[in-house]
């Protein structure tokens, strides 16, 4: 006897839907991770540029031994010519400049994350 049936059984449909959901879920998760990595790279680039700008700002006015200077990067450096997207990143950056002996430490951190788990720290010998 030959059975003729049309369509798919409920089990076949459920298996197909599950497989599609697994594939789509992994694609979405991968895209989310990639977006997070890109965002972190943008912040790190801004931190490096901010550290360079702060260093240039204080090149002729190095703090005394033990002195700490700090503030918002957006207040210390002009942001007028920047695109709005970049300004949004720079507006949450803070700097901390400290001299200890013959070492000058520049730290750039995010003010919207407390404490910032990944601040940029640069130590320069004087």
PDB file of N, CA and C in Angstrom:
ATOM      1  N   UNK A   1       0.810  -1.170   0.000  1.00  0.00           N
ATOM      2  CA  UNK A   1       0.000   0.000   0.000  1.00  0.00           C
ATOM      3  C   UNK A   1       0.865   1.250   0.000  1.00  0.00           C
ATOM      4  N   UNK A   2       0.506   2.111  -0.813  1.00  0.00           N
ATOM      5  CA  UNK A   2       1.247   3.351  -0.921  1.00  0.00           C
ATOM      6  C   UNK A   2       0.433   4.447  -0.244  1.00  0.00           C
ATOM      7  N   UNK A   3       1.103   5.110   0.690  1.00  0.00           N
ATOM      8  CA  UNK A   3       0.366   6.164   1.371  1.00  0.00           C
ATOM      9  C   UNK A   3       0.686   7.486   0.699  1.00  0.00           C
ATOM     10  N   UNK A   4      -0.301   8.257   0.511  1.00  0.00           N
ATOM     11  CA  UNK A   4      -0.052   9.575  -0.057  1.00  0.00           C
ATOM     12  C   UNK A   4      -0.445  10.615   0.982  1.00  0.00           C
ATOM     13  N   UNK A   5       0.482  11.488   1.221  1.00  0.00           N
ATOM     14  CA  UNK A   5       0.182  12.547   2.185  1.00  0.00           C
ATOM     15  C   UNK A   5       0.662  13.870   1.626  1.00  0.00           C
ATOM     16  N   UNK A   6       0.026  14.882   2.036  1.00  0.00           N
ATOM     17  CA  UNK A   6       0.403  16.211   1.598  1.00  0.00           C
ATOM     18  C   UNK A   6       0.834  17.006   2.816  1.00  0.00           C
ATOM     19  N   UNK A   7       1.831  17.873   2.627  1.00  0.00           N
ATOM     20  CA  UNK A   7       2.289  18.724   3.721  1.00  0.00           C
ATOM     21  C   UNK A   7       3.278  18.016   4.625  1.00  0.00           C
ATOM     22  N   UNK A   8       3.559  18.669   5.734  1.00  0.00           N
ATOM     23  CA  UNK A   8       4.537  18.170   6.696  1.00  0.00           C
ATOM     24  C   UNK A   8       3.848  17.838   8.005  1.00  0.00           C
ATOM     25  N   UNK A   9       4.437  16.901   8.710  1.00  0.00           N
ATOM     26  CA  UNK A   9       3.883  16.559  10.023  1.00  0.00           C
ATOM     27  C   UNK A   9       4.294  17.631  11.033  1.00  0.00           C
ATOM     28  N   UNK A  10       3.632  17.629  12.152  1.00  0.00           N
ATOM     29  CA  UNK A  10       3.926  18.587  13.214  1.00  0.00           C
ATOM     30  C   UNK A  10       5.364  18.445  13.696  1.00  0.00           C
ATOM     31  N   UNK A  11       5.856  17.244  13.810  1.00  0.00           N
ATOM     32  CA  UNK A  11       7.231  17.005  14.266  1.00  0.00           C
ATOM     33  C   UNK A  11       8.229  17.585  13.277  1.00  0.00           C
ATOM     34  N   UNK A  12       7.996  17.397  11.998  1.00  0.00           N
ATOM     35  CA  UNK A  12       8.896  17.941  10.976  1.00  0.00           C
ATOM     36  C   UNK A  12       8.923  19.471  11.022  1.00  0.00           C
ATOM     37  N   UNK A  13       7.778  20.057  11.201  1.00  0.00           N
ATOM     38  CA  UNK A  13       7.700  21.521  11.291  1.00  0.00           C
ATOM     39  C   UNK A  13       8.436  22.022  12.532  1.00  0.00           C
ATOM     40  N   UNK A  14       8.231  21.358  13.665  1.00  0.00           N
ATOM     41  CA  UNK A  14       8.914  21.772  14.899  1.00  0.00           C
ATOM     42  C   UNK A  14      10.427  21.637  14.775  1.00  0.00           C
ATOM     43  N   UNK A  15      10.894  20.576  14.153  1.00  0.00           N
ATOM     44  CA  UNK A  15      12.341  20.400  13.955  1.00  0.00           C
ATOM     45  C   UNK A  15      12.887  21.500  13.049  1.00  0.00           C
ATOM     46  N   UNK A  16      12.189  21.806  11.976  1.00  0.00           N
ATOM     47  CA  UNK A  16      12.631  22.855  11.053  1.00  0.00           C
ATOM     48  C   UNK A  16      12.667  24.215  11.742  1.00  0.00           C
ATOM     49  N   UNK A  17      11.633  24.526  12.508  1.00  0.00           N
ATOM     50  CA  UNK A  17      11.580  25.810  13.226  1.00  0.00           C
ATOM     51  C   UNK A  17      12.707  25.891  14.249  1.00  0.00           C
ATOM     52  N   UNK A  18      12.976  24.798  14.949  1.00  0.00           N
ATOM     53  CA  UNK A  18      14.058  24.773  15.940  1.00  0.00           C
ATOM     54  C   UNK A  18      15.409  25.001  15.277  1.00  0.00           C
ATOM     55  N   UNK A  19      15.656  24.343  14.164  1.00  0.00           N
ATOM     56  CA  UNK A  19      16.931  24.520  13.456  1.00  0.00           C
ATOM     57  C   UNK A  19      17.095  25.950  12.949  1.00  0.00           C
ATOM     58  N   UNK A  20      16.036  26.511  12.405  1.00  0.00           N
ATOM     59  CA  UNK A  20      16.092  27.899  11.930  1.00  0.00           C
ATOM     60  C   UNK A  20      16.347  28.848  13.098  1.00  0.00           C
ATOM     61  N   UNK A  21      15.685  28.615  14.222  1.00  0.00           N
ATOM     62  CA  UNK A  21      15.881  29.469  15.404  1.00  0.00           C
ATOM     63  C   UNK A  21      17.315  29.379  15.912  1.00  0.00           C
ATOM     64  N   UNK A  22      17.892  28.192  15.907  1.00  0.00           N
ATOM     65  CA  UNK A  22      19.284  28.035  16.351  1.00  0.00           C
ATOM     66  C   UNK A  22      20.245  28.797  15.446  1.00  0.00           C
ATOM     67  N   UNK A  23      20.043  28.693  14.150  1.00  0.00           N
ATOM     68  CA  UNK A  23      20.911  29.395  13.201  1.00  0.00           C
ATOM     69  C   UNK A  23      20.749  30.903  13.356  1.00  0.00           C
ATOM     70  N   UNK A  24      19.513  31.382  13.389  1.00  0.00           N
ATOM     71  CA  UNK A  24      19.281  32.822  13.541  1.00  0.00           C
ATOM     72  C   UNK A  24      19.795  33.335  14.879  1.00  0.00           C
ATOM     73  N   UNK A  25      19.628  32.550  15.925  1.00  0.00           N
ATOM     74  CA  UNK A  25      20.121  32.954  17.244  1.00  0.00           C
ATOM     75  C   UNK A  25      21.621  33.117  17.262  1.00  0.00           C
ATOM     76  N   UNK A  26      22.338  32.209  16.622  1.00  0.00           N
ATOM     77  CA  UNK A  26      23.797  32.330  16.604  1.00  0.00           C
ATOM     78  C   UNK A  26      24.245  33.511  15.751  1.00  0.00           C
ATOM     79  N   UNK A  27      23.526  33.801  14.678  1.00  0.00           N
ATOM     80  CA  UNK A  27      23.857  34.961  13.842  1.00  0.00           C
ATOM     81  C   UNK A  27      23.629  36.256  14.621  1.00  0.00           C
ATOM     82  N   UNK A  28      22.509  36.345  15.317  1.00  0.00           N
ATOM     83  CA  UNK A  28      22.216  37.543  16.116  1.00  0.00           C
ATOM     84  C   UNK A  28      23.247  37.712  17.228  1.00  0.00           C
ATOM     85  N   UNK A  29      23.581  36.635  17.927  1.00  0.00           N
ATOM     86  CA  UNK A  29      24.574  36.708  19.004  1.00  0.00           C
ATOM     87  C   UNK A  29      25.925  37.143  18.460  1.00  0.00           C
ATOM     88  N   UNK A  30      26.291  36.650  17.308  1.00  0.00           N
ATOM     89  CA  UNK A  30      27.560  37.026  16.684  1.00  0.00           C
ATOM     90  C   UNK A  30      27.565  38.511  16.321  1.00  0.00           C
ATOM     91  N   UNK A  31      26.454  39.008  15.790  1.00  0.00           N
ATOM     92  CA  UNK A  31      26.361  40.430  15.447  1.00  0.00           C
ATOM     93  C   UNK A  31      26.418  41.315  16.683  1.00  0.00           C
ATOM     94  N   UNK A  32      25.812  40.887  17.770  1.00  0.00           N
ATOM     95  CA  UNK A  32      25.854  41.657  19.016  1.00  0.00           C
ATOM     96  C   UNK A  32      27.285  41.738  19.533  1.00  0.00           C
ATOM     97  N   UNK A  33      28.003  40.614  19.515  1.00  0.00           N
ATOM     98  CA  UNK A  33      29.403  40.615  19.963  1.00  0.00           C
ATOM     99  C   UNK A  33      30.258  41.517  19.085  1.00  0.00           C
ATOM    100  N   UNK A  34      30.040  41.477  17.788  1.00  0.00           N
ATOM    101  CA  UNK A  34      30.790  42.318  16.867  1.00  0.00           C
ATOM    102  C   UNK A  34      30.505  43.797  17.123  1.00  0.00           C
ATOM    103  N   UNK A  35      29.256  44.145  17.370  1.00  0.00           N
ATOM    104  CA  UNK A  35      28.900  45.533  17.673  1.00  0.00           C
ATOM    105  C   UNK A  35      29.559  45.998  18.963  1.00  0.00           C
ATOM    106  N   UNK A  36      29.607  45.131  19.978  1.00  0.00           N
ATOM    107  CA  UNK A  36      30.273  45.480  21.235  1.00  0.00           C
ATOM    108  C   UNK A  36      31.762  45.710  21.015  1.00  0.00           C
ATOM    109  N   UNK A  37      32.389  44.864  20.203  1.00  0.00           N
ATOM    110  CA  UNK A  37      33.818  45.027  19.929  1.00  0.00           C
ATOM    111  C   UNK A  37      34.082  46.323  19.170  1.00  0.00           C
ATOM    112  N   UNK A  38      33.232  46.650  18.203  1.00  0.00           N
ATOM    113  CA  UNK A  38      33.390  47.898  17.453  1.00  0.00           C
ATOM    114  C   UNK A  38      33.217  49.108  18.354  1.00  0.00           C
ATOM    115  N   UNK A  39      32.243  49.043  19.242  1.00  0.00           N
ATOM    116  CA  UNK A  39      32.007  50.140  20.179  1.00  0.00           C
ATOM    117  C   UNK A  39      33.211  50.342  21.090  1.00  0.00           C
ATOM    118  N   UNK A  40      33.752  49.249  21.611  1.00  0.00           N
ATOM    119  CA  UNK A  40      34.925  49.339  22.488  1.00  0.00           C
ATOM    120  C   UNK A  40      36.125  49.894  21.726  1.00  0.00           C
ATOM    121  N   UNK A  41      36.277  49.509  20.455  1.00  0.00           N
ATOM    122  CA  UNK A  41      37.380  50.024  19.642  1.00  0.00           C
ATOM    123  C   UNK A  41      37.243  51.531  19.438  1.00  0.00           C
ATOM    124  N   UNK A  42      36.015  52.012  19.235  1.00  0.00           N
ATOM    125  CA  UNK A  42      35.788  53.454  19.090  1.00  0.00           C
ATOM    126  C   UNK A  42      36.172  54.196  20.363  1.00  0.00           C
ATOM    127  N   UNK A  43      35.797  53.645  21.506  1.00  0.00           N
ATOM    128  CA  UNK A  43      36.128  54.281  22.788  1.00  0.00           C
ATOM    129  C   UNK A  43      37.639  54.281  22.993  1.00  0.00           C
ATOM    130  N   UNK A  44      38.311  53.176  22.679  1.00  0.00           N
ATOM    131  CA  UNK A  44      39.763  53.108  22.852  1.00  0.00           C
ATOM    132  C   UNK A  44      40.475  54.099  21.945  1.00  0.00           C
ATOM    133  N   UNK A  45      39.993  54.263  20.733  1.00  0.00           N
ATOM    134  CA  UNK A  45      40.578  55.246  19.823  1.00  0.00           C
ATOM    135  C   UNK A  45      40.395  56.652  20.378  1.00  0.00           C
ATOM    136  N   UNK A  46      39.213  56.945  20.891  1.00  0.00           N
ATOM    137  CA  UNK A  46      38.956  58.260  21.488  1.00  0.00           C
ATOM    138  C   UNK A  46      39.829  58.468  22.720  1.00  0.00           C
ATOM    139  N   UNK A  47      40.008  57.430  23.542  1.00  0.00           N
ATOM    140  CA  UNK A  47      40.856  57.546  24.729  1.00  0.00           C
ATOM    141  C   UNK A  47      42.297  57.856  24.337  1.00  0.00           C
ATOM    142  N   UNK A  48      42.806  57.181  23.319  1.00  0.00           N
ATOM    143  CA  UNK A  48      44.185  57.424  22.880  1.00  0.00           C
ATOM    144  C   UNK A  48      44.343  58.846  22.349  1.00  0.00           C
ATOM    145  N   UNK A  49      43.382  59.310  21.570  1.00  0.00           N
ATOM    146  CA  UNK A  49      43.430  60.682  21.057  1.00  0.00           C
ATOM    147  C   UNK A  49      43.321  61.692  22.189  1.00  0.00           C
ATOM    148  N   UNK A  50      42.461  61.405  23.160  1.00  0.00           N
ATOM    149  CA  UNK A  50      42.307  62.304  24.306  1.00  0.00           C
ATOM    150  C   UNK A  50      43.591  62.368  25.119  1.00  0.00           C
ATOM    151  N   UNK A  51      44.239  61.231  25.320  1.00  0.00           N
ATOM    152  CA  UNK A  51      45.503  61.212  26.071  1.00  0.00           C
ATOM    153  C   UNK A  51      46.553  62.055  25.364  1.00  0.00           C
ATOM    154  N   UNK A  52      46.601  61.956  24.045  1.00  0.00           N
ATOM    155  CA  UNK A  52      47.551  62.765  23.276  1.00  0.00           C
ATOM    156  C   UNK A  52      47.233  64.252  23.426  1.00  0.00           C
ATOM    157  N   UNK A  53      45.946  64.600  23.341  1.00  0.00           N
ATOM    158  CA  UNK A  53      45.549  65.998  23.492  1.00  0.00           C
ATOM    159  C   UNK A  53      45.851  66.549  24.874  1.00  0.00           C
ATOM    160  N   UNK A  54      45.590  65.761  25.920  1.00  0.00           N
ATOM    161  CA  UNK A  54      45.881  66.198  27.294  1.00  0.00           C
ATOM    162  C   UNK A  54      47.382  66.358  27.481  1.00  0.00           C
ATOM    163  N   UNK A  55      48.166  65.444  26.929  1.00  0.00           N
ATOM    164  CA  UNK A  55      49.628  65.550  27.033  1.00  0.00           C
ATOM    165  C   UNK A  55      50.116  66.830  26.372  1.00  0.00           C
ATOM    166  N   UNK A  56      49.575  67.160  25.210  1.00  0.00           N
ATOM    167  CA  UNK A  56      49.967  68.391  24.530  1.00  0.00           C
ATOM    168  C   UNK A  56      49.505  69.621  25.302  1.00  0.00           C
ATOM    169  N   UNK A  57      48.352  69.524  25.934  1.00  0.00           N
ATOM    170  CA  UNK A  57      47.826  70.647  26.708  1.00  0.00           C
ATOM    171  C   UNK A  57      48.737  70.997  27.880  1.00  0.00           C
ATOM    172  N   UNK A  58      49.272  69.968  28.541  1.00  0.00           N
ATOM    173  CA  UNK A  58      50.083  70.189  29.734  1.00  0.00           C
ATOM    174  C   UNK A  58      51.586  70.084  29.477  1.00  0.00           C
ATOM    175  N   UNK A  59      52.016  70.086  28.225  1.00  0.00           N
ATOM    176  CA  UNK A  59      53.438  69.905  27.927  1.00  0.00           C
ATOM    177  C   UNK A  59      54.302  71.007  28.553  1.00  0.00           C
ATOM    178  N   UNK A  60      53.823  72.200  28.626  1.00  0.00           N
ATOM    179  CA  UNK A  60      54.596  73.291  29.215  1.00  0.00           C
ATOM    180  C   UNK A  60      54.255  73.552  30.666  1.00  0.00           C
ATOM    181  N   UNK A  61      53.319  72.803  31.213  1.00  0.00           N
ATOM    182  CA  UNK A  61      52.835  73.042  32.566  1.00  0.00           C
ATOM    183  C   UNK A  61      52.694  71.711  33.306  1.00  0.00           C
ATOM    184  N   UNK A  62      53.824  71.019  33.462  1.00  0.00           N
ATOM    185  CA  UNK A  62      53.821  69.711  34.115  1.00  0.00           C
ATOM    186  C   UNK A  62      53.496  69.896  35.597  1.00  0.00           C
ATOM    187  N   UNK A  63      52.596  69.085  36.143  1.00  0.00           N
ATOM    188  CA  UNK A  63      52.247  69.207  37.565  1.00  0.00           C
ATOM    189  C   UNK A  63      53.464  68.977  38.466  1.00  0.00           C
ATOM    190  N   UNK A  64      53.417  69.575  39.638  1.00  0.00           N
ATOM    191  CA  UNK A  64      54.479  69.358  40.630  1.00  0.00           C
ATOM    192  C   UNK A  64      54.390  67.928  41.148  1.00  0.00           C
ATOM    193  N   UNK A  65      55.462  67.466  41.757  1.00  0.00           N
ATOM    194  CA  UNK A  65      55.500  66.099  42.286  1.00  0.00           C
ATOM    195  C   UNK A  65      54.356  65.888  43.283  1.00  0.00           C
ATOM    196  N   UNK A  66      53.565  64.858  43.071  1.00  0.00           N
ATOM    197  CA  UNK A  66      52.435  64.543  43.941  1.00  0.00           C
ATOM    198  C   UNK A  66      51.144  65.242  43.566  1.00  0.00           C
ATOM    199  N   UNK A  67      51.218  66.220  42.687  1.00  0.00           N
ATOM    200  CA  UNK A  67      50.024  66.967  42.287  1.00  0.00           C
ATOM    201  C   UNK A  67      49.186  66.152  41.295  1.00  0.00           C
ATOM    202  N   UNK A  68      47.870  66.272  41.430  1.00  0.00           N
ATOM    203  CA  UNK A  68      46.939  65.584  40.534  1.00  0.00           C
ATOM    204  C   UNK A  68      46.051  66.632  39.876  1.00  0.00           C
ATOM    205  N   UNK A  69      45.904  66.535  38.588  1.00  0.00           N
ATOM    206  CA  UNK A  69      44.970  67.388  37.852  1.00  0.00           C
ATOM    207  C   UNK A  69      43.979  66.473  37.151  1.00  0.00           C
ATOM    208  N   UNK A  70      42.739  66.868  37.170  1.00  0.00           N
ATOM    209  CA  UNK A  70      41.722  66.019  36.549  1.00  0.00           C
ATOM    210  C   UNK A  70      40.568  66.872  36.050  1.00  0.00           C
ATOM    211  N   UNK A  71      39.748  66.273  35.215  1.00  0.00           N
ATOM    212  CA  UNK A  71      38.579  66.966  34.691  1.00  0.00           C
ATOM    213  C   UNK A  71      37.993  66.219  33.515  1.00  0.00           C
ATOM    214  N   UNK A  72      37.030  66.848  32.906  1.00  0.00           N
ATOM    215  CA  UNK A  72      36.403  66.261  31.718  1.00  0.00           C
ATOM    216  C   UNK A  72      37.252  66.603  30.492  1.00  0.00           C
ATOM    217  N   UNK A  73      37.430  65.620  29.635  1.00  0.00           N
ATOM    218  CA  UNK A  73      38.191  65.835  28.407  1.00  0.00           C
ATOM    219  C   UNK A  73      37.500  66.884  27.544  1.00  0.00           C
ATOM    220  N   UNK A  74      36.178  66.847  27.477  1.00  0.00           N
ATOM    221  CA  UNK A  74      35.437  67.789  26.630  1.00  0.00           C
ATOM    222  C   UNK A  74      35.579  69.232  27.103  1.00  0.00           C
ATOM    223  N   UNK A  75      35.900  69.432  28.371  1.00  0.00           N
ATOM    224  CA  UNK A  75      36.126  70.777  28.888  1.00  0.00           C
ATOM    225  C   UNK A  75      37.547  71.239  28.596  1.00  0.00           C
ATOM    226  N   UNK A  76      38.492  70.320  28.659  1.00  0.00           N
ATOM    227  CA  UNK A  76      39.904  70.661  28.475  1.00  0.00           C
ATOM    228  C   UNK A  76      40.285  70.837  27.009  1.00  0.00           C
ATOM    229  N   UNK A  77      39.657  70.092  26.134  1.00  0.00           N
ATOM    230  CA  UNK A  77      40.025  70.119  24.717  1.00  0.00           C
ATOM    231  C   UNK A  77      38.855  70.611  23.874  1.00  0.00           C
ATOM    232  N   UNK A  78      39.142  71.398  22.831  1.00  0.00           N
ATOM    233  CA  UNK A  78      38.052  71.891  21.974  1.00  0.00           C
ATOM    234  C   UNK A  78      37.468  70.772  21.118  1.00  0.00           C
ATOM    235  N   UNK A  79      36.149  70.689  21.098  1.00  0.00           N
ATOM    236  CA  UNK A  79      35.467  69.646  20.333  1.00  0.00           C
ATOM    237  C   UNK A  79      34.617  70.215  19.199  1.00  0.00           C
ATOM    238  N   UNK A  80      34.748  71.492  18.944  1.00  0.00           N
ATOM    239  CA  UNK A  80      33.856  72.159  17.988  1.00  0.00           C
ATOM    240  C   UNK A  80      33.842  71.520  16.598  1.00  0.00           C
ATOM    241  N   UNK A  81      34.990  71.130  16.090  1.00  0.00           N
ATOM    242  CA  UNK A  81      35.068  70.635  14.712  1.00  0.00           C
ATOM    243  C   UNK A  81      34.719  69.154  14.585  1.00  0.00           C
ATOM    244  N   UNK A  82      34.384  68.513  15.686  1.00  0.00           N
ATOM    245  CA  UNK A  82      34.098  67.073  15.654  1.00  0.00           C
ATOM    246  C   UNK A  82      32.662  66.791  15.233  1.00  0.00           C
ATOM    247  N   UNK A  83      32.464  65.653  14.572  1.00  0.00           N
ATOM    248  CA  UNK A  83      31.086  65.223  14.305  1.00  0.00           C
ATOM    249  C   UNK A  83      30.367  64.925  15.624  1.00  0.00           C
ATOM    250  N   UNK A  84      29.054  65.045  15.621  1.00  0.00           N
ATOM    251  CA  UNK A  84      28.264  64.846  16.843  1.00  0.00           C
ATOM    252  C   UNK A  84      28.464  63.460  17.449  1.00  0.00           C
ATOM    253  N   UNK A  85      28.620  62.448  16.606  1.00  0.00           N
ATOM    254  CA  UNK A  85      28.818  61.081  17.107  1.00  0.00           C
ATOM    255  C   UNK A  85      30.104  60.985  17.934  1.00  0.00           C
ATOM    256  N   UNK A  86      31.174  61.629  17.449  1.00  0.00           N
ATOM    257  CA  UNK A  86      32.440  61.622  18.187  1.00  0.00           C
ATOM    258  C   UNK A  86      32.338  62.445  19.466  1.00  0.00           C
ATOM    259  N   UNK A  87      31.625  63.560  19.402  1.00  0.00           N
ATOM    260  CA  UNK A  87      31.444  64.389  20.602  1.00  0.00           C
ATOM    261  C   UNK A  87      30.755  63.607  21.708  1.00  0.00           C
ATOM    262  N   UNK A  88      29.808  62.766  21.329  1.00  0.00           N
ATOM    263  CA  UNK A  88      29.084  61.971  22.326  1.00  0.00           C
ATOM    264  C   UNK A  88      30.034  61.059  23.085  1.00  0.00           C
ATOM    265  N   UNK A  89      31.009  60.496  22.399  1.00  0.00           N
ATOM    266  CA  UNK A  89      32.000  59.638  23.065  1.00  0.00           C
ATOM    267  C   UNK A  89      32.910  60.484  23.945  1.00  0.00           C
ATOM    268  N   UNK A  90      33.414  61.589  23.397  1.00  0.00           N
ATOM    269  CA  UNK A  90      34.365  62.430  24.140  1.00  0.00           C
ATOM    270  C   UNK A  90      33.724  63.079  25.365  1.00  0.00           C
ATOM    271  N   UNK A  91      32.416  63.330  25.318  1.00  0.00           N
ATOM    272  CA  UNK A  91      31.738  63.970  26.448  1.00  0.00           C
ATOM    273  C   UNK A  91      31.695  63.102  27.697  1.00  0.00           C
ATOM    274  N   UNK A  92      31.901  61.800  27.562  1.00  0.00           N
ATOM    275  CA  UNK A  92      31.885  60.924  28.740  1.00  0.00           C
ATOM    276  C   UNK A  92      33.293  60.567  29.217  1.00  0.00           C
ATOM    277  N   UNK A  93      34.316  61.137  28.575  1.00  0.00           N
ATOM    278  CA  UNK A  93      35.693  60.828  28.971  1.00  0.00           C
ATOM    279  C   UNK A  93      36.201  61.824  30.008  1.00  0.00           C
ATOM    280  N   UNK A  94      36.909  61.303  30.992  1.00  0.00           N
ATOM    281  CA  UNK A  94      37.559  62.131  32.012  1.00  0.00           C
ATOM    282  C   UNK A  94      39.051  61.838  31.994  1.00  0.00           C
ATOM    283  N   UNK A  95      39.826  62.834  32.397  1.00  0.00           N
ATOM    284  CA  UNK A  95      41.264  62.622  32.468  1.00  0.00           C
ATOM    285  C   UNK A  95      41.765  62.817  33.892  1.00  0.00           C
ATOM    286  N   UNK A  96      42.877  62.190  34.161  1.00  0.00           N
ATOM    287  CA  UNK A  96      43.564  62.347  35.447  1.00  0.00           C
ATOM    288  C   UNK A  96      45.045  62.379  35.126  1.00  0.00           C
ATOM    289  N   UNK A  97      45.690  63.448  35.504  1.00  0.00           N
ATOM    290  CA  UNK A  97      47.109  63.657  35.241  1.00  0.00           C
ATOM    291  C   UNK A  97      47.804  63.732  36.582  1.00  0.00           C
ATOM    292  N   UNK A  98      48.794  62.883  36.793  1.00  0.00           N
ATOM    293  CA  UNK A  98      49.472  62.843  38.090  1.00  0.00           C
ATOM    294  C   UNK A  98      50.968  62.667  37.883  1.00  0.00           C
ATOM    295  N   UNK A  99      51.718  63.416  38.677  1.00  0.00           N
ATOM    296  CA  UNK A  99      53.169  63.275  38.646  1.00  0.00           C
ATOM    297  C   UNK A  99      53.614  62.636  39.946  1.00  0.00           C
ATOM    298  N   UNK A 100      54.457  61.643  39.802  1.00  0.00           N
ATOM    299  CA  UNK A 100      55.039  60.962  40.951  1.00  0.00           C
ATOM    300  C   UNK A 100      56.522  60.780  40.658  1.00  0.00           C
ATOM    301  N   UNK A 101      57.334  61.628  41.277  1.00  0.00           N
ATOM    302  CA  UNK A 101      58.775  61.591  41.002  1.00  0.00           C
ATOM    303  C   UNK A 101      59.035  62.002  39.566  1.00  0.00           C
ATOM    304  N   UNK A 102      59.727  61.150  38.841  1.00  0.00           N
ATOM    305  CA  UNK A 102      60.036  61.436  37.441  1.00  0.00           C
ATOM    306  C   UNK A 102      59.068  60.751  36.480  1.00  0.00           C
ATOM    307  N   UNK A 103      57.904  60.381  36.982  1.00  0.00           N
ATOM    308  CA  UNK A 103      56.907  59.710  36.145  1.00  0.00           C
ATOM    309  C   UNK A 103      55.619  60.531  36.102  1.00  0.00           C
ATOM    310  N   UNK A 104      55.155  60.760  34.897  1.00  0.00           N
ATOM    311  CA  UNK A 104      53.885  61.449  34.685  1.00  0.00           C
ATOM    312  C   UNK A 104      52.890  60.407  34.179  1.00  0.00           C
ATOM    313  N   UNK A 105      51.763  60.274  34.873  1.00  0.00           N
ATOM    314  CA  UNK A 105      50.741  59.300  34.493  1.00  0.00           C
ATOM    315  C   UNK A 105      49.518  60.032  33.964  1.00  0.00           C
ATOM    316  N   UNK A 106      49.105  59.640  32.774  1.00  0.00           N
ATOM    317  CA  UNK A 106      47.879  60.168  32.170  1.00  0.00           C
ATOM    318  C   UNK A 106      46.878  59.020  32.135  1.00  0.00           C
ATOM    319  N   UNK A 107      45.713  59.251  32.717  1.00  0.00           N
ATOM    320  CA  UNK A 107      44.663  58.230  32.710  1.00  0.00           C
ATOM    321  C   UNK A 107      43.407  58.824  32.091  1.00  0.00           C
ATOM    322  N   UNK A 108      42.871  58.118  31.115  1.00  0.00           N
ATOM    323  CA  UNK A 108      41.623  58.520  30.469  1.00  0.00           C
ATOM    324  C   UNK A 108      40.597  57.428  30.758  1.00  0.00           C
ATOM    325  N   UNK A 109      39.480  57.814  31.373  1.00  0.00           N
ATOM    326  CA  UNK A 109      38.458  56.824  31.728  1.00  0.00           C
ATOM    327  C   UNK A 109      37.079  57.343  31.344  1.00  0.00           C
ATOM    328  N   UNK A 110      36.126  56.436  31.342  1.00  0.00           N
ATOM    329  CA  UNK A 110      34.747  56.788  31.032  1.00  0.00           C
ATOM    330  C   UNK A 110      34.021  57.174  32.316  1.00  0.00           C
ATOM    331  N   UNK A 111      33.295  58.286  32.273  1.00  0.00           N
ATOM    332  CA  UNK A 111      32.546  58.721  33.453  1.00  0.00           C
ATOM    333  C   UNK A 111      31.179  58.048  33.537  1.00  0.00           C
ATOM    334  N   UNK A 112      30.711  57.469  32.445  1.00  0.00           N
ATOM    335  CA  UNK A 112      29.399  56.815  32.459  1.00  0.00           C
ATOM    336  C   UNK A 112      29.466  55.377  32.962  1.00  0.00           C
ATOM    337  N   UNK A 113      30.672  54.877  33.225  1.00  0.00           N
ATOM    338  CA  UNK A 113      30.869  53.538  33.781  1.00  0.00           C
ATOM    339  C   UNK A 113      31.720  53.707  35.026  1.00  0.00           C
ATOM    340  N   UNK A 114      31.173  53.371  36.169  1.00  0.00           N
ATOM    341  CA  UNK A 114      31.908  53.610  37.411  1.00  0.00           C
ATOM    342  C   UNK A 114      32.059  52.325  38.207  1.00  0.00           C
ATOM    343  N   UNK A 115      33.261  51.904  38.485  1.00  0.00           N
ATOM    344  CA  UNK A 115      34.519  52.395  37.919  1.00  0.00           C
ATOM    345  C   UNK A 115      34.718  51.812  36.519  1.00  0.00           C
ATOM    346  N   UNK A 116      35.433  52.555  35.698  1.00  0.00           N
ATOM    347  CA  UNK A 116      35.717  52.106  34.336  1.00  0.00           C
ATOM    348  C   UNK A 116      36.625  50.881  34.400  1.00  0.00           C
ATOM    349  N   UNK A 117      36.194  49.749  33.856  1.00  0.00           N
ATOM    350  CA  UNK A 117      37.021  48.541  33.930  1.00  0.00           C
ATOM    351  C   UNK A 117      38.229  48.579  32.997  1.00  0.00           C
ATOM    352  N   UNK A 118      38.223  49.472  32.018  1.00  0.00           N
ATOM    353  CA  UNK A 118      39.309  49.531  31.037  1.00  0.00           C
ATOM    354  C   UNK A 118      39.812  50.952  30.806  1.00  0.00           C
ATOM    355  N   UNK A 119      40.288  51.635  31.837  1.00  0.00           N
ATOM    356  CA  UNK A 119      40.817  52.976  31.582  1.00  0.00           C
ATOM    357  C   UNK A 119      42.137  52.877  30.819  1.00  0.00           C
ATOM    358  N   UNK A 120      42.439  53.910  30.075  1.00  0.00           N
ATOM    359  CA  UNK A 120      43.725  53.972  29.381  1.00  0.00           C
ATOM    360  C   UNK A 120      44.709  54.674  30.305  1.00  0.00           C
ATOM    361  N   UNK A 121      45.816  54.002  30.633  1.00  0.00           N
ATOM    362  CA  UNK A 121      46.858  54.589  31.479  1.00  0.00           C
ATOM    363  C   UNK A 121      48.161  54.628  30.698  1.00  0.00           C
ATOM    364  N   UNK A 122      48.739  55.808  30.648  1.00  0.00           N
ATOM    365  CA  UNK A 122      50.028  55.976  29.985  1.00  0.00           C
ATOM    366  C   UNK A 122      50.982  56.597  30.986  1.00  0.00           C
ATOM    367  N   UNK A 123      52.139  55.975  31.148  1.00  0.00           N
ATOM    368  CA  UNK A 123      53.166  56.521  32.034  1.00  0.00           C
ATOM    369  C   UNK A 123      54.319  57.012  31.183  1.00  0.00           C
ATOM    370  N   UNK A 124      54.745  58.238  31.474  1.00  0.00           N
ATOM    371  CA  UNK A 124      55.813  58.871  30.713  1.00  0.00           C
ATOM    372  C   UNK A 124      56.926  59.247  31.672  1.00  0.00           C
ATOM    373  N   UNK A 125      58.147  58.890  31.327  1.00  0.00           N
ATOM    374  CA  UNK A 125      59.294  59.305  32.135  1.00  0.00           C
ATOM    375  C   UNK A 125      59.663  60.741  31.810  1.00  0.00           C
ATOM    376  N   UNK A 126      59.955  61.514  32.852  1.00  0.00           N
ATOM    377  CA  UNK A 126      60.326  62.924  32.648  1.00  0.00           C
ATOM    378  C   UNK A 126      61.826  63.099  32.670  1.00  0.00           C
TER     379      UNK A 126
END
